[in-house]
């Protein structure tokens, strides 16, 4: 319950910030172009706070924090006196209307640059993308991707941490080959490895792009000795304790390999199984009953233990921090890369290279908000930047109910010299509403299926 409240609160804060930024973009440019703004609302429904400024604009925070709007004076829907005609939205030139509507999404992109800028000034604890285990016979194995090599670029895109690697691989979905540029300790020059991805079967809802290609990030070796036993977990109920050295599960010795034990315990959801451990020089056999837990749409056994790990190599850790000038450059580059990636993903959704099962809705966003807030302010900034970019891009889609739909009509007007007939606009708005509701329904269904 506490986790739900925390996620919800983080979601409301994040959404409130991003909606305010978006609507302020419309508001600021409208005022600069001499348009009377009657209301600036964050949320819908009953107002819980309101204030009117000296320009006659009513600022409102409403009950339902799932959107917002800027109501501008418009003679098509409002009663307007002759003296006010010049201050209506529809009286402005098509260029001015385009600027006002485009200002919302571009305010979101600008906010992302600011958020990333602050993030890079503060510094982000990061991990170098060092390759761990490579599976024999996998796509990565066939390409002979070297273990303990550092991935410095993917298909020409620079990668400094695992987030960069993930984004580069996702953007490569549908490509016939992916080139990894790898730096190895025993070589003076970087080496390219080309992975044949013609038959790459990647399901983002089930696994990471790395595991689907057949390699894992480097991890500090885990020992088959328990560092932690969770309270009220199946392990604690069975009598396991921190410090126990795992010897076998069922009839199979684990040979001191934590990974082997971890994979085996997953095979026993809600099934009794014996575990043999060494405790204070004495061998004990304990019967455990792992809980059933859903992971990537599969039901696996969950015990509730953590192993002792060897120290992570300090040379693989770094703070991704820059000075004021470089941080601005890096934040602009990161924002641009994410904008390009997002449009690329939309294109791949249309072509079928990416499944609609990967669409996420408000539940996933709320969970992401809560998780990032848990990690700290700098990670929450990164989350806000990412969602701000996506909010801006969604609003640029050419659906008449969104900013992109309005822009589409205005560009038609720009080239034809006359506005799109209102009947056609009304048909477009109905189509846009149905399309948007359909996408939202799919996203929410996907969210619920992942719970």
Protein backbone atom coordinates (compact mmCIF):
# COMPACT_ATOMS: atom_id res chain seq x y z
CA UNK A 1 0.00 0.00 0.00
CA UNK A 2 2.84 2.37 0.88
CA UNK A 3 4.51 1.57 -2.46
CA UNK A 4 1.24 2.32 -4.29
CA UNK A 5 0.86 5.69 -2.53
CA UNK A 6 4.50 6.58 -3.24
CA UNK A 7 4.18 5.65 -6.92
CA UNK A 8 0.93 7.61 -7.21
CA UNK A 9 2.38 10.69 -5.52
CA UNK A 10 5.51 10.57 -7.70
CA UNK A 11 3.32 10.15 -10.79
CA UNK A 12 1.15 13.15 -9.88
CA UNK A 13 4.20 15.33 -9.21
CA UNK A 14 5.88 14.27 -12.47
CA UNK A 15 2.73 14.68 -14.54
CA UNK A 16 1.96 18.04 -12.93
CA UNK A 17 5.41 19.38 -13.78
CA UNK A 18 5.34 18.16 -17.38
CA UNK A 19 1.80 19.34 -18.09
CA UNK A 20 2.62 22.75 -16.63
CA UNK A 21 5.68 23.00 -18.87
CA UNK A 22 3.68 21.95 -21.94
CA UNK A 23 0.78 24.31 -21.36
CA UNK A 24 3.09 27.17 -20.39
CA UNK A 25 4.69 26.84 -23.83
CA UNK A 26 1.30 27.47 -25.47
CA UNK A 27 0.49 30.23 -22.95
CA UNK A 28 3.76 32.15 -23.31
CA UNK A 29 3.81 32.18 -27.12
CA UNK A 30 0.08 33.04 -27.26
CA UNK A 31 0.63 36.09 -25.09
CA UNK A 32 3.70 37.12 -27.08
CA UNK A 33 1.50 37.07 -30.19
CA UNK A 34 -1.21 39.22 -28.58
CA UNK A 35 -3.78 36.46 -27.93
CA UNK A 36 -6.05 36.82 -24.90
CA UNK A 37 -5.70 33.73 -22.67
CA UNK A 38 -8.88 33.22 -20.63
CA UNK A 39 -7.78 30.19 -18.60
CA UNK A 40 -4.63 28.23 -17.81
CA UNK A 41 -5.70 24.95 -16.19
CA UNK A 42 -3.62 22.11 -14.78
CA UNK A 43 -5.99 19.16 -14.49
CA UNK A 44 -9.68 18.76 -15.31
CA UNK A 45 -12.89 18.90 -13.32
CA UNK A 46 -13.65 20.93 -10.21
CA UNK A 47 -11.11 23.66 -9.35
CA UNK A 48 -9.29 23.21 -6.03
CA UNK A 49 -7.30 26.45 -6.45
CA UNK A 50 -7.73 29.46 -8.70
CA UNK A 51 -6.31 32.94 -9.22
CA UNK A 52 -6.95 35.69 -11.79
CA UNK A 53 -4.02 37.89 -12.89
CA UNK A 54 -4.08 41.51 -14.09
CA UNK A 55 -4.47 40.39 -17.72
CA UNK A 56 -7.73 38.61 -16.91
CA UNK A 57 -6.27 35.09 -17.17
CA UNK A 58 -7.68 32.60 -14.67
CA UNK A 59 -5.06 30.16 -13.38
CA UNK A 60 -6.60 26.90 -12.11
CA UNK A 61 -5.46 23.67 -10.47
CA UNK A 62 -8.26 21.15 -10.94
CA UNK A 63 -9.25 17.92 -9.22
CA UNK A 64 -8.22 15.37 -11.90
CA UNK A 65 -4.46 15.68 -12.60
CA UNK A 66 -4.49 13.87 -15.94
CA UNK A 67 -3.98 16.72 -18.35
CA UNK A 68 -4.38 20.44 -18.76
CA UNK A 69 -5.32 23.12 -21.23
CA UNK A 70 -4.95 26.76 -22.21
CA UNK A 71 -8.24 28.39 -23.26
CA UNK A 72 -7.64 31.22 -25.69
CA UNK A 73 -10.20 33.76 -26.87
CA UNK A 74 -11.71 32.50 -30.14
CA UNK A 75 -14.54 34.19 -32.04
CA UNK A 76 -15.68 30.81 -33.41
CA UNK A 77 -16.81 29.70 -29.95
CA UNK A 78 -16.90 32.88 -27.84
CA UNK A 79 -18.94 36.07 -28.02
CA UNK A 80 -16.33 38.66 -28.94
CA UNK A 81 -16.71 42.43 -29.21
CA UNK A 82 -15.21 44.39 -32.12
CA UNK A 83 -12.45 45.73 -29.86
CA UNK A 84 -11.40 42.19 -28.93
CA UNK A 85 -11.30 40.66 -32.43
CA UNK A 86 -7.58 41.37 -32.83
CA UNK A 87 -6.88 39.43 -29.60
CA UNK A 88 -8.58 36.20 -30.71
CA UNK A 89 -6.60 33.11 -31.64
CA UNK A 90 -8.38 32.61 -34.95
CA UNK A 91 -7.63 36.19 -36.04
CA UNK A 92 -3.89 35.53 -36.00
CA UNK A 93 -1.90 34.56 -39.09
CA UNK A 94 -1.35 30.90 -39.84
CA UNK A 95 2.32 31.32 -38.92
CA UNK A 96 1.38 32.68 -35.50
CA UNK A 97 -1.12 29.86 -34.90
CA UNK A 98 1.51 27.28 -35.87
CA UNK A 99 3.97 28.87 -33.41
CA UNK A 100 1.41 28.87 -30.58
CA UNK A 101 0.43 25.22 -31.08
CA UNK A 102 3.99 23.96 -31.64
CA UNK A 103 5.20 25.77 -28.51
CA UNK A 104 3.74 23.11 -26.18
CA UNK A 105 5.68 20.09 -27.51
CA UNK A 106 8.84 22.15 -27.98
CA UNK A 107 8.57 23.37 -24.38
CA UNK A 108 8.69 19.68 -23.39
CA UNK A 109 11.87 19.18 -25.44
CA UNK A 110 13.39 22.30 -23.87
CA UNK A 111 12.52 21.03 -20.39
CA UNK A 112 14.25 17.71 -21.19
CA UNK A 113 17.45 19.61 -22.08
CA UNK A 114 17.27 21.52 -18.78
CA UNK A 115 16.62 18.33 -16.77
CA UNK A 116 19.51 16.47 -18.43
CA UNK A 117 21.71 19.56 -17.95
CA UNK A 118 21.07 19.57 -14.19
CA UNK A 119 21.58 15.80 -14.11
CA UNK A 120 24.98 16.06 -15.81
CA UNK A 121 26.05 18.99 -13.61
CA UNK A 122 25.22 17.03 -10.44
CA UNK A 123 26.73 13.83 -11.81
CA UNK A 124 25.18 10.43 -12.45
CA UNK A 125 26.79 7.33 -10.90
CA UNK A 126 27.29 5.07 -13.93
CA UNK A 127 28.75 1.73 -14.95
CA UNK A 128 30.90 1.21 -18.03
CA UNK A 129 29.29 -1.21 -20.54
CA UNK A 130 31.66 -4.12 -19.96
CA UNK A 131 30.57 -7.37 -21.60
CA UNK A 132 30.02 -10.27 -19.22
CA UNK A 133 29.11 -13.81 -20.18
CA UNK A 134 28.56 -14.51 -23.91
CA UNK A 135 26.43 -17.55 -24.74
CA UNK A 136 27.96 -20.05 -27.15
CA UNK A 137 25.93 -20.35 -30.37
CA UNK A 138 24.01 -17.11 -29.77
CA UNK A 139 24.07 -14.14 -32.17
CA UNK A 140 26.75 -12.50 -29.98
CA UNK A 141 28.61 -15.83 -29.64
CA UNK A 142 28.74 -16.41 -33.41
CA UNK A 143 30.12 -12.88 -33.86
CA UNK A 144 32.77 -13.71 -31.21
CA UNK A 145 31.89 -10.73 -29.04
CA UNK A 146 34.68 -10.71 -26.43
CA UNK A 147 34.00 -11.08 -22.72
CA UNK A 148 35.28 -8.18 -20.55
CA UNK A 149 35.44 -5.91 -23.60
CA UNK A 150 34.01 -2.39 -23.25
CA UNK A 151 31.33 -1.41 -25.77
CA UNK A 152 32.28 2.11 -26.90
CA UNK A 153 29.84 2.39 -29.84
CA UNK A 154 26.98 0.53 -31.52
CA UNK A 155 26.52 1.10 -35.26
CA UNK A 156 28.41 4.38 -34.89
CA UNK A 157 26.39 5.60 -31.88
CA UNK A 158 28.61 6.38 -28.87
CA UNK A 159 27.90 4.35 -25.73
CA UNK A 160 29.30 5.39 -22.35
CA UNK A 161 26.99 3.35 -20.09
CA UNK A 162 24.41 0.55 -20.24
CA UNK A 163 21.53 2.97 -20.84
CA UNK A 164 23.25 4.10 -24.04
CA UNK A 165 23.70 0.46 -25.06
CA UNK A 166 20.03 -0.32 -24.44
CA UNK A 167 18.85 2.70 -26.45
CA UNK A 168 21.22 1.94 -29.32
CA UNK A 169 20.06 -1.69 -29.49
CA UNK A 170 16.37 -0.75 -29.35
CA UNK A 171 16.92 1.71 -32.21
CA UNK A 172 18.52 -1.16 -34.19
CA UNK A 173 15.39 -3.34 -34.11
CA UNK A 174 14.63 -4.40 -37.68
CA UNK A 175 18.23 -3.89 -38.88
CA UNK A 176 19.91 -6.83 -40.63
CA UNK A 177 23.18 -6.31 -38.78
CA UNK A 178 24.53 -4.40 -35.78
CA UNK A 179 28.16 -3.35 -35.42
CA UNK A 180 29.70 -3.30 -31.94
CA UNK A 181 32.87 -1.26 -31.47
CA UNK A 182 34.71 -2.79 -28.52
CA UNK A 183 37.77 -1.68 -26.54
CA UNK A 184 39.83 -4.51 -25.05
CA UNK A 185 42.54 -4.25 -22.43
CA UNK A 186 45.01 -6.31 -24.48
CA UNK A 187 44.62 -4.21 -27.65
CA UNK A 188 45.80 -0.70 -28.49
CA UNK A 189 42.98 -0.07 -31.00
CA UNK A 190 39.24 -0.65 -30.88
CA UNK A 191 37.80 -3.60 -32.81
CA UNK A 192 34.50 -3.91 -34.68
CA UNK A 193 32.27 -6.98 -34.35
CA UNK A 194 29.31 -7.35 -36.72
CA UNK A 195 26.28 -9.23 -35.40
CA UNK A 196 23.95 -10.79 -37.99
CA UNK A 197 20.48 -9.83 -36.74
CA UNK A 198 18.36 -10.97 -39.69
CA UNK A 199 16.83 -13.65 -37.44
CA UNK A 200 16.96 -11.63 -34.22
CA UNK A 201 13.86 -12.63 -32.22
CA UNK A 202 13.56 -9.86 -29.64
CA UNK A 203 10.53 -9.55 -27.35
CA UNK A 204 11.03 -6.40 -25.24
CA UNK A 205 8.19 -7.37 -22.90
CA UNK A 206 10.01 -10.60 -21.98
CA UNK A 207 13.74 -9.87 -22.02
CA UNK A 208 16.41 -7.24 -22.48
CA UNK A 209 18.02 -6.65 -25.90
CA UNK A 210 21.35 -7.92 -24.53
CA UNK A 211 20.04 -11.29 -23.37
CA UNK A 212 18.13 -11.76 -26.64
CA UNK A 213 21.42 -11.31 -28.52
CA UNK A 214 23.14 -13.75 -26.19
CA UNK A 215 25.31 -11.71 -23.83
CA UNK A 216 25.06 -10.22 -20.36
CA UNK A 217 26.53 -7.12 -18.71
CA UNK A 218 29.55 -7.86 -16.55
CA UNK A 219 28.55 -8.62 -12.97
CA UNK A 220 30.66 -9.04 -9.88
CA UNK A 221 30.84 -12.77 -9.18
CA UNK A 222 28.23 -13.91 -6.66
CA UNK A 223 29.25 -16.55 -4.15
CA UNK A 224 26.99 -19.42 -3.12
CA UNK A 225 26.83 -17.98 0.41
CA UNK A 226 23.81 -16.06 1.67
CA UNK A 227 24.29 -12.40 2.55
CA UNK A 228 20.63 -11.69 3.29
CA UNK A 229 17.45 -13.61 4.04
CA UNK A 230 14.31 -11.47 3.60
CA UNK A 231 11.94 -11.21 6.53
CA UNK A 232 8.85 -13.46 6.29
CA UNK A 233 10.20 -14.93 3.05
CA UNK A 234 9.96 -18.65 2.15
CA UNK A 235 13.69 -18.88 2.96
CA UNK A 236 13.25 -17.52 6.49
CA UNK A 237 10.24 -19.78 7.10
CA UNK A 238 12.36 -22.78 6.06
CA UNK A 239 15.13 -21.80 8.50
CA UNK A 240 17.77 -20.43 6.12
CA UNK A 241 20.12 -17.82 7.63
CA UNK A 242 22.66 -15.28 6.43
CA UNK A 243 26.05 -16.96 6.24
CA UNK A 244 24.71 -20.33 5.06
CA UNK A 245 26.79 -21.81 2.26
CA UNK A 246 24.61 -23.48 -0.39
CA UNK A 247 25.71 -26.99 -1.34
CA UNK A 248 22.86 -28.57 -3.32
CA UNK A 249 19.24 -28.23 -4.36
CA UNK A 250 17.20 -31.39 -4.76
CA UNK A 251 19.62 -34.10 -5.90
CA UNK A 252 21.95 -31.72 -7.73
CA UNK A 253 25.17 -30.20 -6.38
CA UNK A 254 25.57 -26.54 -7.29
CA UNK A 255 29.40 -26.64 -7.15
CA UNK A 256 29.64 -23.25 -5.45
CA UNK A 257 27.81 -21.52 -8.33
CA UNK A 258 25.18 -19.02 -7.23
CA UNK A 259 23.84 -18.64 -10.79
CA UNK A 260 23.22 -22.39 -10.98
CA UNK A 261 21.29 -22.31 -7.71
CA UNK A 262 19.32 -19.19 -8.80
CA UNK A 263 18.22 -20.87 -12.04
CA UNK A 264 17.27 -24.12 -10.28
CA UNK A 265 15.12 -22.51 -7.58
CA UNK A 266 13.01 -20.89 -10.31
CA UNK A 267 11.88 -24.37 -11.36
CA UNK A 268 10.06 -24.97 -8.05
CA UNK A 269 7.20 -22.45 -7.74
CA UNK A 270 4.96 -23.60 -4.86
CA UNK A 271 6.77 -26.96 -4.72
CA UNK A 272 8.70 -28.51 -1.85
CA UNK A 273 12.41 -29.04 -2.47
CA UNK A 274 15.34 -29.88 -0.19
CA UNK A 275 18.31 -27.53 0.06
CA UNK A 276 21.55 -28.66 1.68
CA UNK A 277 23.69 -25.96 3.36
CA UNK A 278 26.88 -25.70 5.38
CA UNK A 279 26.43 -23.72 8.63
CA UNK A 280 29.18 -23.34 11.27
CA UNK A 281 30.92 -26.47 9.96
CA UNK A 282 27.73 -28.54 10.08
CA UNK A 283 25.79 -29.80 7.04
CA UNK A 284 22.01 -29.24 7.26
CA UNK A 285 19.16 -30.24 4.96
CA UNK A 286 16.22 -27.81 4.90
CA UNK A 287 12.93 -28.23 3.09
CA UNK A 288 11.79 -25.02 1.36
CA UNK A 289 8.54 -24.08 -0.36
CA UNK A 290 9.30 -21.23 -2.83
CA UNK A 291 6.52 -18.76 -3.60
CA UNK A 292 5.21 -18.43 -7.15
CA UNK A 293 6.22 -15.12 -8.71
CA UNK A 294 5.45 -13.78 -12.18
CA UNK A 295 8.55 -12.58 -14.05
CA UNK A 296 8.33 -11.60 -17.73
CA UNK A 297 5.03 -13.48 -18.10
CA UNK A 298 6.59 -16.66 -16.63
CA UNK A 299 5.81 -18.12 -13.20
CA UNK A 300 9.02 -18.88 -11.29
CA UNK A 301 9.98 -19.92 -7.79
CA UNK A 302 10.94 -17.13 -5.37
CA UNK A 303 12.93 -17.83 -2.20
CA UNK A 304 13.84 -14.37 -0.84
CA UNK A 305 17.63 -14.52 -0.47
CA UNK A 306 20.65 -12.56 -1.70
CA UNK A 307 24.18 -13.89 -2.12
CA UNK A 308 27.49 -12.43 -1.02
CA UNK A 309 29.14 -10.78 -4.04
CA UNK A 310 32.75 -10.01 -4.74
CA UNK A 311 33.57 -6.26 -4.87
CA UNK A 312 32.70 -4.66 -8.21
CA UNK A 313 35.87 -3.49 -10.01
CA UNK A 314 36.27 0.23 -9.27
CA UNK A 315 37.72 0.84 -12.74
CA UNK A 316 34.30 -0.05 -14.20
CA UNK A 317 32.52 2.64 -12.16
CA UNK A 318 32.46 6.37 -12.93
CA UNK A 319 30.41 9.52 -12.39
CA UNK A 320 28.93 10.87 -15.61
CA UNK A 321 29.45 14.55 -14.79
CA UNK A 322 30.47 17.52 -16.95
CA UNK A 323 31.30 21.19 -16.64
CA UNK A 324 28.67 23.87 -17.43
CA UNK A 325 29.45 24.14 -21.16
CA UNK A 326 29.98 20.43 -21.89
CA UNK A 327 26.89 19.51 -19.82
CA UNK A 328 24.76 21.74 -22.05
CA UNK A 329 26.18 20.12 -25.18
CA UNK A 330 25.68 16.59 -23.81
CA UNK A 331 22.11 17.31 -22.65
CA UNK A 332 21.19 18.65 -26.10
CA UNK A 333 22.75 15.59 -27.78
CA UNK A 334 20.95 13.18 -25.44
CA UNK A 335 17.61 14.93 -25.98
CA UNK A 336 18.08 14.85 -29.76
CA UNK A 337 19.02 11.16 -29.70
CA UNK A 338 15.93 10.29 -27.67
CA UNK A 339 13.67 12.33 -29.96
CA UNK A 340 15.08 10.52 -33.01
CA UNK A 341 14.75 7.15 -31.25
CA UNK A 342 11.13 7.84 -30.29
CA UNK A 343 10.12 8.76 -33.83
CA UNK A 344 12.01 5.69 -35.05
CA UNK A 345 10.03 3.49 -32.64
CA UNK A 346 6.74 4.99 -33.86
CA UNK A 347 7.76 4.12 -37.41
CA UNK A 348 8.61 0.56 -36.36
CA UNK A 349 5.26 0.23 -34.58
CA UNK A 350 3.58 1.14 -37.87
CA UNK A 351 5.72 -1.31 -39.89
CA UNK A 352 5.31 -4.07 -37.30
CA UNK A 353 9.01 -4.33 -36.37
CA UNK A 354 7.96 -3.41 -32.81
CA UNK A 355 4.83 -4.95 -31.28
CA UNK A 356 2.01 -2.85 -29.78
CA UNK A 357 2.54 -5.03 -26.70
CA UNK A 358 5.43 -2.71 -25.88
CA UNK A 359 3.21 0.36 -25.44
CA UNK A 360 3.12 1.56 -21.84
CA UNK A 361 0.39 3.51 -20.09
CA UNK A 362 -0.13 5.44 -16.84
CA UNK A 363 0.46 2.44 -14.56
CA UNK A 364 3.93 1.78 -15.97
CA UNK A 365 4.70 5.50 -15.89
CA UNK A 366 3.61 5.67 -12.22
CA UNK A 367 5.83 2.71 -11.37
CA UNK A 368 8.73 4.34 -13.23
CA UNK A 369 8.16 7.61 -11.37
CA UNK A 370 8.16 5.86 -8.01
CA UNK A 371 11.24 3.78 -8.79
CA UNK A 372 13.26 6.74 -10.07
CA UNK A 373 12.25 8.85 -7.06
CA UNK A 374 13.42 5.97 -4.83
CA UNK A 375 16.89 6.10 -6.38
CA UNK A 376 17.21 9.84 -5.79
CA UNK A 377 16.75 13.30 -7.29
CA UNK A 378 19.22 12.88 -10.15
CA UNK A 379 17.46 9.74 -11.41
CA UNK A 380 14.06 11.42 -11.07
CA UNK A 381 15.39 14.23 -13.29
CA UNK A 382 16.35 11.67 -15.93
CA UNK A 383 12.88 10.10 -15.71
CA UNK A 384 11.21 13.52 -16.08
CA UNK A 385 13.35 14.29 -19.14
CA UNK A 386 12.46 10.97 -20.79
CA UNK A 387 8.71 11.32 -20.17
CA UNK A 388 8.80 15.00 -21.22
CA UNK A 389 10.29 13.98 -24.58
CA UNK A 390 7.64 11.31 -25.05
CA UNK A 391 4.87 13.75 -24.11
CA UNK A 392 6.15 16.22 -26.68
CA UNK A 393 6.36 13.57 -29.40
CA UNK A 394 2.91 12.13 -28.68
CA UNK A 395 1.44 15.62 -29.01
CA UNK A 396 3.13 16.03 -32.39
CA UNK A 397 1.40 12.96 -33.84
CA UNK A 398 -0.91 14.07 -36.70
CA UNK A 399 -4.11 13.11 -34.87
CA UNK A 400 -6.61 15.98 -35.02
CA UNK A 401 -7.34 15.82 -31.27
CA UNK A 402 -3.64 16.48 -30.51
CA UNK A 403 -1.37 19.46 -31.23
CA UNK A 404 0.02 17.58 -34.24
CA UNK A 405 -3.46 17.36 -35.74
CA UNK A 406 -3.97 21.11 -35.43
CA UNK A 407 -0.56 21.69 -36.98
CA UNK A 408 -1.48 19.36 -39.84
CA UNK A 409 -4.56 21.47 -40.60
CA UNK A 410 -2.56 24.71 -40.37
CA UNK A 411 0.11 23.46 -42.77
CA UNK A 412 -2.64 22.54 -45.23
CA UNK A 413 -3.98 26.09 -44.82
CA UNK A 414 -0.47 27.46 -45.32
CA UNK A 415 -0.08 25.71 -48.67
CA UNK A 416 -3.66 26.06 -49.97
CA UNK A 417 -4.24 29.58 -48.73
CA UNK A 418 -7.54 28.71 -47.03
CA UNK A 419 -8.52 26.87 -43.84
CA UNK A 420 -9.66 23.26 -43.84
CA UNK A 421 -13.52 23.20 -43.85
CA UNK A 422 -15.01 22.80 -40.36
CA UNK A 423 -16.97 19.66 -41.35
CA UNK A 424 -13.75 17.93 -42.37
CA UNK A 425 -12.11 19.12 -39.16
CA UNK A 426 -14.98 17.67 -37.10
CA UNK A 427 -14.66 14.30 -38.85
CA UNK A 428 -10.93 14.40 -38.19
CA UNK A 429 -11.44 15.18 -34.50
CA UNK A 430 -13.79 12.20 -34.14
CA UNK A 431 -11.30 9.92 -35.87
CA UNK A 432 -8.47 11.28 -33.74
CA UNK A 433 -10.41 10.71 -30.53
CA UNK A 434 -11.18 7.09 -31.46
CA UNK A 435 -7.54 6.45 -32.46
CA UNK A 436 -6.18 8.03 -29.27
CA UNK A 437 -8.61 6.12 -27.03
CA UNK A 438 -7.69 2.89 -28.82
CA UNK A 439 -3.97 3.48 -28.23
CA UNK A 440 -4.61 4.35 -24.58
CA UNK A 441 -6.73 1.22 -24.14
CA UNK A 442 -3.94 -0.96 -25.56
CA UNK A 443 -1.36 0.74 -23.32
CA UNK A 444 -3.49 0.31 -20.17
CA UNK A 445 -4.21 -3.33 -21.08
CA UNK A 446 -0.45 -3.90 -21.46
CA UNK A 447 0.13 -2.28 -18.07
CA UNK A 448 -2.40 -4.52 -16.38
CA UNK A 449 -1.00 -7.66 -18.03
CA UNK A 450 2.45 -6.83 -16.61
CA UNK A 451 1.22 -6.58 -13.01
